[in-house]
Full PDB file with SEQRES, HELIX, SHEET, SSBOND, CRYST1, ORIGX, SCALE, CONECT and MASTER records, all heavy atoms in Angstrom:
SEQRES   1 A   34  GLY LEU PRO VAL THR ALA VAL ARG SER ARG ALA PRO ASP          
SEQRES   2 A   34  ARG HIS THR TYR LEU VAL ARG PRO ASP LEU GLY ARG THR          
SEQRES   3 A   34  LEU ASP ALA ALA ALA ALA ALA ARG                              
HELIX    1 AA1 ARG A   14  VAL A   19  1                                   6    
HELIX    2 AA2 LEU A   23  ARG A   25  5                                   3    
HELIX    3 AA3 ALA A   29  ALA A   33  1                                   5    
CRYST1    1.000    1.000    1.000  90.00  90.00  90.00 P 1           1          
ORIGX1      1.000000  0.000000  0.000000        0.00000                         
ORIGX2      0.000000  1.000000  0.000000        0.00000                         
ORIGX3      0.000000  0.000000  1.000000        0.00000                         
SCALE1      1.000000  0.000000  0.000000        0.00000                         
SCALE2      0.000000  1.000000  0.000000        0.00000                         
SCALE3      0.000000  0.000000  1.000000        0.00000                         
ATOM      1  N   GLY A   1     -14.357  11.606 -14.658  1.00  0.00           N  
ATOM      2  CA  GLY A   1     -13.468  12.748 -14.830  1.00  0.00           C  
ATOM      3  C   GLY A   1     -12.361  12.845 -13.810  1.00  0.00           C  
ATOM      4  O   GLY A   1     -11.737  13.913 -13.664  1.00  0.00           O  
ATOM      5  N   LEU A   2     -12.071  11.739 -13.107  1.00  0.00           N  
ATOM      6  CA  LEU A   2     -11.050  11.762 -12.070  1.00  0.00           C  
ATOM      7  C   LEU A   2      -9.742  11.175 -12.594  1.00  0.00           C  
ATOM      8  O   LEU A   2      -9.722  10.044 -13.085  1.00  0.00           O  
ATOM      9  CB  LEU A   2     -11.505  10.948 -10.859  1.00  0.00           C  
ATOM     10  CG  LEU A   2     -12.622  11.549 -10.008  1.00  0.00           C  
ATOM     11  CD1 LEU A   2     -13.131  10.519  -9.008  1.00  0.00           C  
ATOM     12  CD2 LEU A   2     -12.127  12.802  -9.281  1.00  0.00           C  
ATOM     13  N   PRO A   3      -8.631  11.903 -12.479  1.00  0.00           N  
ATOM     14  CA  PRO A   3      -7.328  11.287 -12.755  1.00  0.00           C  
ATOM     15  C   PRO A   3      -7.017  10.264 -11.670  1.00  0.00           C  
ATOM     16  O   PRO A   3      -7.315  10.483 -10.489  1.00  0.00           O  
ATOM     17  CB  PRO A   3      -6.356  12.470 -12.702  1.00  0.00           C  
ATOM     18  CG  PRO A   3      -7.053  13.509 -11.885  1.00  0.00           C  
ATOM     19  CD  PRO A   3      -8.526  13.325 -12.093  1.00  0.00           C  
ATOM     20  N   VAL A   4      -6.441   9.128 -12.051  1.00  0.00           N  
ATOM     21  CA  VAL A   4      -6.266   8.015 -11.129  1.00  0.00           C  
ATOM     22  C   VAL A   4      -4.809   7.590 -11.075  1.00  0.00           C  
ATOM     23  O   VAL A   4      -4.129   7.495 -12.098  1.00  0.00           O  
ATOM     24  CB  VAL A   4      -7.135   6.807 -11.562  1.00  0.00           C  
ATOM     25  CG1 VAL A   4      -6.950   5.641 -10.594  1.00  0.00           C  
ATOM     26  CG2 VAL A   4      -8.606   7.199 -11.639  1.00  0.00           C  
ATOM     27  N   THR A   5      -4.327   7.331  -9.859  1.00  0.00           N  
ATOM     28  CA  THR A   5      -3.023   6.715  -9.629  1.00  0.00           C  
ATOM     29  C   THR A   5      -3.230   5.513  -8.723  1.00  0.00           C  
ATOM     30  O   THR A   5      -4.011   5.586  -7.768  1.00  0.00           O  
ATOM     31  CB  THR A   5      -2.050   7.698  -8.952  1.00  0.00           C  
ATOM     32  OG1 THR A   5      -1.892   8.861  -9.765  1.00  0.00           O  
ATOM     33  CG2 THR A   5      -0.690   7.057  -8.733  1.00  0.00           C  
ATOM     34  N   ALA A   6      -2.556   4.420  -9.008  1.00  0.00           N  
ATOM     35  CA  ALA A   6      -2.654   3.220  -8.176  1.00  0.00           C  
ATOM     36  C   ALA A   6      -1.398   3.072  -7.337  1.00  0.00           C  
ATOM     37  O   ALA A   6      -0.276   3.208  -7.842  1.00  0.00           O  
ATOM     38  CB  ALA A   6      -2.857   1.980  -9.046  1.00  0.00           C  
ATOM     39  N   VAL A   7      -1.589   2.825  -6.041  1.00  0.00           N  
ATOM     40  CA  VAL A   7      -0.464   2.620  -5.128  1.00  0.00           C  
ATOM     41  C   VAL A   7      -0.770   1.403  -4.253  1.00  0.00           C  
ATOM     42  O   VAL A   7      -1.850   0.815  -4.330  1.00  0.00           O  
ATOM     43  CB  VAL A   7      -0.207   3.856  -4.234  1.00  0.00           C  
ATOM     44  CG1 VAL A   7       0.089   5.079  -5.079  1.00  0.00           C  
ATOM     45  CG2 VAL A   7      -1.393   4.125  -3.312  1.00  0.00           C  
ATOM     46  N   ARG A   8       0.155   1.052  -3.393  1.00  0.00           N  
ATOM     47  CA  ARG A   8      -0.077  -0.027  -2.450  1.00  0.00           C  
ATOM     48  C   ARG A   8       0.638   0.282  -1.139  1.00  0.00           C  
ATOM     49  O   ARG A   8       1.568   1.122  -1.106  1.00  0.00           O  
ATOM     50  CB  ARG A   8       0.391  -1.373  -3.001  1.00  0.00           C  
ATOM     51  CG  ARG A   8       1.860  -1.474  -3.340  1.00  0.00           C  
ATOM     52  CD  ARG A   8       2.197  -2.856  -3.872  1.00  0.00           C  
ATOM     53  NE  ARG A   8       1.841  -3.912  -2.946  1.00  0.00           N  
ATOM     54  CZ  ARG A   8       0.849  -4.792  -3.156  1.00  0.00           C  
ATOM     55  NH1 ARG A   8       0.150  -4.750  -4.276  1.00  0.00           N  
ATOM     56  NH2 ARG A   8       0.569  -5.725  -2.278  1.00  0.00           N  
ATOM     57  N   SER A   9       0.245  -0.388  -0.088  1.00  0.00           N  
ATOM     58  CA  SER A   9       0.912  -0.220   1.192  1.00  0.00           C  
ATOM     59  C   SER A   9       2.143  -1.115   1.253  1.00  0.00           C  
ATOM     60  O   SER A   9       2.486  -1.815   0.300  1.00  0.00           O  
ATOM     61  CB  SER A   9      -0.049  -0.584   2.329  1.00  0.00           C  
ATOM     62  OG  SER A   9      -0.212  -2.003   2.402  1.00  0.00           O  
ATOM     63  N   ARG A  10       2.775  -1.152   2.396  1.00  0.00           N  
ATOM     64  CA  ARG A  10       3.953  -2.005   2.578  1.00  0.00           C  
ATOM     65  C   ARG A  10       3.572  -3.459   2.856  1.00  0.00           C  
ATOM     66  O   ARG A  10       4.468  -4.314   2.945  1.00  0.00           O  
ATOM     67  CB  ARG A  10       4.816  -1.469   3.715  1.00  0.00           C  
ATOM     68  CG  ARG A  10       5.555  -0.172   3.370  1.00  0.00           C  
ATOM     69  CD  ARG A  10       6.386   0.312   4.550  1.00  0.00           C  
ATOM     70  NE  ARG A  10       7.328  -0.720   4.991  1.00  0.00           N  
ATOM     71  CZ  ARG A  10       7.679  -0.910   6.266  1.00  0.00           C  
ATOM     72  NH1 ARG A  10       7.143  -0.160   7.214  1.00  0.00           N  
ATOM     73  NH2 ARG A  10       8.552  -1.834   6.571  1.00  0.00           N  
ATOM     74  N   ALA A  11       2.279  -3.755   2.978  1.00  0.00           N  
ATOM     75  CA  ALA A  11       1.857  -5.152   3.155  1.00  0.00           C  
ATOM     76  C   ALA A  11       1.937  -5.850   1.794  1.00  0.00           C  
ATOM     77  O   ALA A  11       1.216  -5.467   0.867  1.00  0.00           O  
ATOM     78  CB  ALA A  11       0.439  -5.213   3.703  1.00  0.00           C  
ATOM     79  N   PRO A  12       2.768  -6.868   1.628  1.00  0.00           N  
ATOM     80  CA  PRO A  12       2.977  -7.452   0.305  1.00  0.00           C  
ATOM     81  C   PRO A  12       1.861  -8.373  -0.157  1.00  0.00           C  
ATOM     82  O   PRO A  12       1.740  -8.651  -1.346  1.00  0.00           O  
ATOM     83  CB  PRO A  12       4.285  -8.244   0.480  1.00  0.00           C  
ATOM     84  CG  PRO A  12       4.303  -8.603   1.931  1.00  0.00           C  
ATOM     85  CD  PRO A  12       3.665  -7.456   2.642  1.00  0.00           C  
ATOM     86  N   ASP A  13       1.040  -8.855   0.765  1.00  0.00           N  
ATOM     87  CA  ASP A  13      -0.025  -9.788   0.397  1.00  0.00           C  
ATOM     88  C   ASP A  13      -1.131  -9.703   1.437  1.00  0.00           C  
ATOM     89  O   ASP A  13      -1.010  -9.002   2.454  1.00  0.00           O  
ATOM     90  CB  ASP A  13       0.510 -11.230   0.291  1.00  0.00           C  
ATOM     91  CG  ASP A  13       1.269 -11.655   1.538  1.00  0.00           C  
ATOM     92  OD1 ASP A  13       0.733 -11.517   2.656  1.00  0.00           O  
ATOM     93  OD2 ASP A  13       2.427 -12.104   1.395  1.00  0.00           O  
ATOM     94  N   ARG A  14      -2.235 -10.419   1.164  1.00  0.00           N  
ATOM     95  CA  ARG A  14      -3.409 -10.299   2.026  1.00  0.00           C  
ATOM     96  C   ARG A  14      -3.158 -10.853   3.424  1.00  0.00           C  
ATOM     97  O   ARG A  14      -3.604 -10.278   4.413  1.00  0.00           O  
ATOM     98  CB  ARG A  14      -4.601 -11.036   1.380  1.00  0.00           C  
ATOM     99  CG  ARG A  14      -5.952 -10.592   1.931  1.00  0.00           C  
ATOM    100  CD  ARG A  14      -6.148  -9.112   1.690  1.00  0.00           C  
ATOM    101  NE  ARG A  14      -7.466  -8.637   2.054  1.00  0.00           N  
ATOM    102  CZ  ARG A  14      -7.793  -7.355   2.083  1.00  0.00           C  
ATOM    103  NH1 ARG A  14      -6.911  -6.441   1.744  1.00  0.00           N  
ATOM    104  NH2 ARG A  14      -9.005  -6.980   2.423  1.00  0.00           N  
ATOM    105  N   HIS A  15      -2.457 -11.971   3.515  1.00  0.00           N  
ATOM    106  CA  HIS A  15      -2.186 -12.534   4.844  1.00  0.00           C  
ATOM    107  C   HIS A  15      -1.402 -11.547   5.696  1.00  0.00           C  
ATOM    108  O   HIS A  15      -1.741 -11.304   6.865  1.00  0.00           O  
ATOM    109  CB  HIS A  15      -1.419 -13.851   4.705  1.00  0.00           C  
ATOM    110  CG  HIS A  15      -0.981 -14.411   6.032  1.00  0.00           C  
ATOM    111  ND1 HIS A  15      -1.861 -15.011   6.903  1.00  0.00           N  
ATOM    112  CD2 HIS A  15       0.249 -14.423   6.646  1.00  0.00           C  
ATOM    113  CE1 HIS A  15      -1.211 -15.386   7.996  1.00  0.00           C  
ATOM    114  NE2 HIS A  15       0.063 -15.039   7.865  1.00  0.00           N  
ATOM    115  N   THR A  16      -0.358 -10.967   5.133  1.00  0.00           N  
ATOM    116  CA  THR A  16       0.438  -9.993   5.880  1.00  0.00           C  
ATOM    117  C   THR A  16      -0.408  -8.792   6.265  1.00  0.00           C  
ATOM    118  O   THR A  16      -0.300  -8.273   7.386  1.00  0.00           O  
ATOM    119  CB  THR A  16       1.647  -9.542   5.046  1.00  0.00           C  
ATOM    120  OG1 THR A  16       2.387 -10.686   4.620  1.00  0.00           O  
ATOM    121  CG2 THR A  16       2.546  -8.619   5.844  1.00  0.00           C  
ATOM    122  N   TYR A  17      -1.238  -8.357   5.342  1.00  0.00           N  
ATOM    123  CA  TYR A  17      -2.125  -7.220   5.621  1.00  0.00           C  
ATOM    124  C   TYR A  17      -2.999  -7.486   6.851  1.00  0.00           C  
ATOM    125  O   TYR A  17      -3.205  -6.599   7.687  1.00  0.00           O  
ATOM    126  CB  TYR A  17      -3.000  -6.961   4.400  1.00  0.00           C  
ATOM    127  CG  TYR A  17      -4.113  -5.967   4.612  1.00  0.00           C  
ATOM    128  CD1 TYR A  17      -3.874  -4.597   4.572  1.00  0.00           C  
ATOM    129  CD2 TYR A  17      -5.425  -6.395   4.850  1.00  0.00           C  
ATOM    130  CE1 TYR A  17      -4.896  -3.685   4.759  1.00  0.00           C  
ATOM    131  CE2 TYR A  17      -6.453  -5.490   5.041  1.00  0.00           C  
ATOM    132  CZ  TYR A  17      -6.179  -4.135   4.997  1.00  0.00           C  
ATOM    133  OH  TYR A  17      -7.199  -3.242   5.194  1.00  0.00           O  
ATOM    134  N   LEU A  18      -3.515  -8.703   6.965  1.00  0.00           N  
ATOM    135  CA  LEU A  18      -4.428  -9.025   8.055  1.00  0.00           C  
ATOM    136  C   LEU A  18      -3.714  -9.169   9.394  1.00  0.00           C  
ATOM    137  O   LEU A  18      -4.272  -8.810  10.433  1.00  0.00           O  
ATOM    138  CB  LEU A  18      -5.197 -10.308   7.734  1.00  0.00           C  
ATOM    139  CG  LEU A  18      -6.177 -10.214   6.562  1.00  0.00           C  
ATOM    140  CD1 LEU A  18      -6.756 -11.574   6.225  1.00  0.00           C  
ATOM    141  CD2 LEU A  18      -7.301  -9.216   6.858  1.00  0.00           C  
ATOM    142  N   VAL A  19      -2.481  -9.670   9.381  1.00  0.00           N  
ATOM    143  CA  VAL A  19      -1.781  -9.901  10.649  1.00  0.00           C  
ATOM    144  C   VAL A  19      -0.843  -8.762  11.026  1.00  0.00           C  
ATOM    145  O   VAL A  19      -0.390  -8.691  12.166  1.00  0.00           O  
ATOM    146  CB  VAL A  19      -0.995 -11.237  10.615  1.00  0.00           C  
ATOM    147  CG1 VAL A  19      -1.943 -12.401  10.374  1.00  0.00           C  
ATOM    148  CG2 VAL A  19       0.112 -11.213   9.573  1.00  0.00           C  
ATOM    149  N   ARG A  20      -0.571  -7.839  10.086  1.00  0.00           N  
ATOM    150  CA  ARG A  20       0.309  -6.697  10.357  1.00  0.00           C  
ATOM    151  C   ARG A  20      -0.385  -5.400   9.947  1.00  0.00           C  
ATOM    152  O   ARG A  20      -0.053  -4.794   8.922  1.00  0.00           O  
ATOM    153  CB  ARG A  20       1.629  -6.848   9.585  1.00  0.00           C  
ATOM    154  CG  ARG A  20       2.559  -7.931  10.096  1.00  0.00           C  
ATOM    155  CD  ARG A  20       3.232  -7.516  11.413  1.00  0.00           C  
ATOM    156  NE  ARG A  20       3.908  -6.228  11.315  1.00  0.00           N  
ATOM    157  CZ  ARG A  20       5.169  -6.067  10.886  1.00  0.00           C  
ATOM    158  NH1 ARG A  20       5.873  -7.113  10.492  1.00  0.00           N  
ATOM    159  NH2 ARG A  20       5.714  -4.860  10.864  1.00  0.00           N  
ATOM    160  N   PRO A  21      -1.347  -4.944  10.745  1.00  0.00           N  
ATOM    161  CA  PRO A  21      -2.055  -3.700  10.398  1.00  0.00           C  
ATOM    162  C   PRO A  21      -1.130  -2.510  10.208  1.00  0.00           C  
ATOM    163  O   PRO A  21      -1.432  -1.607   9.420  1.00  0.00           O  
ATOM    164  CB  PRO A  21      -2.987  -3.489  11.594  1.00  0.00           C  
ATOM    165  CG  PRO A  21      -3.165  -4.840  12.188  1.00  0.00           C  
ATOM    166  CD  PRO A  21      -1.865  -5.548  11.980  1.00  0.00           C  
ATOM    167  N   ASP A  22       0.008  -2.495  10.901  1.00  0.00           N  
ATOM    168  CA  ASP A  22       0.922  -1.358  10.782  1.00  0.00           C  
ATOM    169  C   ASP A  22       1.446  -1.198   9.362  1.00  0.00           C  
ATOM    170  O   ASP A  22       1.627  -0.075   8.873  1.00  0.00           O  
ATOM    171  CB  ASP A  22       2.091  -1.520  11.757  1.00  0.00           C  
ATOM    172  CG  ASP A  22       2.854  -2.826  11.543  1.00  0.00           C  
ATOM    173  OD1 ASP A  22       2.211  -3.889  11.455  1.00  0.00           O  
ATOM    174  OD2 ASP A  22       4.104  -2.778  11.479  1.00  0.00           O  
ATOM    175  N   LEU A  23       1.672  -2.317   8.663  1.00  0.00           N  
ATOM    176  CA  LEU A  23       2.176  -2.228   7.296  1.00  0.00           C  
ATOM    177  C   LEU A  23       1.121  -1.678   6.344  1.00  0.00           C  
ATOM    178  O   LEU A  23       1.454  -1.050   5.333  1.00  0.00           O  
ATOM    179  CB  LEU A  23       2.659  -3.595   6.817  1.00  0.00           C  
ATOM    180  CG  LEU A  23       3.851  -4.191   7.566  1.00  0.00           C  
ATOM    181  CD1 LEU A  23       4.232  -5.536   6.977  1.00  0.00           C  
ATOM    182  CD2 LEU A  23       5.043  -3.233   7.552  1.00  0.00           C  
ATOM    183  N   GLY A  24      -0.150  -1.900   6.653  1.00  0.00           N  
ATOM    184  CA  GLY A  24      -1.224  -1.365   5.825  1.00  0.00           C  
ATOM    185  C   GLY A  24      -1.415   0.132   5.988  1.00  0.00           C  
ATOM    186  O   GLY A  24      -2.156   0.751   5.212  1.00  0.00           O  
ATOM    187  N   ARG A  25      -0.734   0.717   6.975  1.00  0.00           N  
ATOM    188  CA  ARG A  25      -0.857   2.156   7.240  1.00  0.00           C  
ATOM    189  C   ARG A  25       0.289   2.963   6.646  1.00  0.00           C  
ATOM    190  O   ARG A  25       0.310   4.194   6.783  1.00  0.00           O  
ATOM    191  CB  ARG A  25      -0.925   2.406   8.746  1.00  0.00           C  
ATOM    192  CG  ARG A  25      -2.107   1.743   9.430  1.00  0.00           C  
ATOM    193  CD  ARG A  25      -2.177   2.114  10.903  1.00  0.00           C  
ATOM    194  NE  ARG A  25      -3.273   1.415  11.560  1.00  0.00           N  
ATOM    195  CZ  ARG A  25      -3.128   0.442  12.451  1.00  0.00           C  
ATOM    196  NH1 ARG A  25      -1.911   0.062  12.814  1.00  0.00           N  
ATOM    197  NH2 ARG A  25      -4.176  -0.152  12.982  1.00  0.00           N  
ATOM    198  N   THR A  26       1.255   2.294   6.019  1.00  0.00           N  
ATOM    199  CA  THR A  26       2.412   3.000   5.476  1.00  0.00           C  
ATOM    200  C   THR A  26       2.567   2.684   3.992  1.00  0.00           C  
ATOM    201  O   THR A  26       2.298   1.576   3.543  1.00  0.00           O  
ATOM    202  CB  THR A  26       3.707   2.621   6.230  1.00  0.00           C  
ATOM    203  OG1 THR A  26       3.838   1.192   6.227  1.00  0.00           O  
ATOM    204  CG2 THR A  26       3.657   3.113   7.658  1.00  0.00           C  
ATOM    205  N   LEU A  27       3.027   3.676   3.238  1.00  0.00           N  
ATOM    206  CA  LEU A  27       3.139   3.543   1.789  1.00  0.00           C  
ATOM    207  C   LEU A  27       4.380   2.748   1.391  1.00  0.00           C  
ATOM    208  O   LEU A  27       5.458   2.917   1.965  1.00  0.00           O  
ATOM    209  CB  LEU A  27       3.242   4.924   1.150  1.00  0.00           C  
ATOM    210  CG  LEU A  27       1.977   5.587   0.640  1.00  0.00           C  
ATOM    211  CD1 LEU A  27       2.293   7.013   0.212  1.00  0.00           C  
ATOM    212  CD2 LEU A  27       1.344   4.817  -0.497  1.00  0.00           C  
ATOM    213  N   ASP A  28       4.200   1.892   0.399  1.00  0.00           N  
ATOM    214  CA  ASP A  28       5.334   1.271  -0.261  1.00  0.00           C  
ATOM    215  C   ASP A  28       6.193   2.376  -0.887  1.00  0.00           C  
ATOM    216  O   ASP A  28       5.675   3.340  -1.458  1.00  0.00           O  
ATOM    217  CB  ASP A  28       4.817   0.313  -1.334  1.00  0.00           C  
ATOM    218  CG  ASP A  28       5.913  -0.235  -2.211  1.00  0.00           C  
ATOM    219  OD1 ASP A  28       6.613  -1.151  -1.766  1.00  0.00           O  
ATOM    220  OD2 ASP A  28       6.050   0.259  -3.350  1.00  0.00           O  
ATOM    221  N   ALA A  29       7.510   2.236  -0.769  1.00  0.00           N  
ATOM    222  CA  ALA A  29       8.412   3.303  -1.215  1.00  0.00           C  
ATOM    223  C   ALA A  29       8.266   3.599  -2.702  1.00  0.00           C  
ATOM    224  O   ALA A  29       8.234   4.765  -3.119  1.00  0.00           O  
ATOM    225  CB  ALA A  29       9.858   2.926  -0.889  1.00  0.00           C  
ATOM    226  N   ALA A  30       8.170   2.549  -3.509  1.00  0.00           N  
ATOM    227  CA  ALA A  30       8.033   2.768  -4.955  1.00  0.00           C  
ATOM    228  C   ALA A  30       6.706   3.451  -5.271  1.00  0.00           C  
ATOM    229  O   ALA A  30       6.625   4.304  -6.169  1.00  0.00           O  
ATOM    230  CB  ALA A  30       8.135   1.442  -5.698  1.00  0.00           C  
ATOM    231  N   ALA A  31       5.661   3.092  -4.527  1.00  0.00           N  
ATOM    232  CA  ALA A  31       4.353   3.726  -4.740  1.00  0.00           C  
ATOM    233  C   ALA A  31       4.401   5.197  -4.364  1.00  0.00           C  
ATOM    234  O   ALA A  31       3.845   6.057  -5.062  1.00  0.00           O  
ATOM    235  CB  ALA A  31       3.288   2.999  -3.928  1.00  0.00           C  
ATOM    236  N   ALA A  32       5.068   5.508  -3.279  1.00  0.00           N  
ATOM    237  CA  ALA A  32       5.151   6.903  -2.833  1.00  0.00           C  
ATOM    238  C   ALA A  32       5.808   7.774  -3.894  1.00  0.00           C  
ATOM    239  O   ALA A  32       5.433   8.934  -4.096  1.00  0.00           O  
ATOM    240  CB  ALA A  32       5.921   6.982  -1.527  1.00  0.00           C  
ATOM    241  N   ALA A  33       6.777   7.217  -4.599  1.00  0.00           N  
ATOM    242  CA  ALA A  33       7.485   7.984  -5.615  1.00  0.00           C  
ATOM    243  C   ALA A  33       6.590   8.357  -6.791  1.00  0.00           C  
ATOM    244  O   ALA A  33       6.895   9.295  -7.535  1.00  0.00           O  
ATOM    245  CB  ALA A  33       8.693   7.190  -6.114  1.00  0.00           C  
ATOM    246  N   ARG A  34       5.464   7.641  -6.963  1.00  0.00           N  
ATOM    247  CA  ARG A  34       4.561   7.944  -8.078  1.00  0.00           C  
ATOM    248  C   ARG A  34       3.611   9.082  -7.757  1.00  0.00           C  
ATOM    249  O   ARG A  34       2.886   9.555  -8.634  1.00  0.00           O  
ATOM    250  CB  ARG A  34       3.750   6.695  -8.446  1.00  0.00           C  
ATOM    251  CG  ARG A  34       4.582   5.602  -9.087  1.00  0.00           C  
ATOM    252  CD  ARG A  34       3.697   4.607  -9.827  1.00  0.00           C  
ATOM    253  NE  ARG A  34       2.817   3.880  -8.946  1.00  0.00           N  
ATOM    254  CZ  ARG A  34       3.158   2.748  -8.305  1.00  0.00           C  
ATOM    255  NH1 ARG A  34       4.385   2.267  -8.457  1.00  0.00           N  
ATOM    256  NH2 ARG A  34       2.305   2.127  -7.541  1.00  0.00           N  
TER     257      ARG A  34                                                      
MASTER        0    0    0    3    0    0    0    6  256    1    0    3          
END                                                                             
């Protein structure tokens, strides 16, 4: 019964996510607009 929205962080891929934790803490601009 939960409405769902999918978003992503500013990390574009898994490698970047692992080496740039700061990008995983901020919303992708297009995702934020949703």
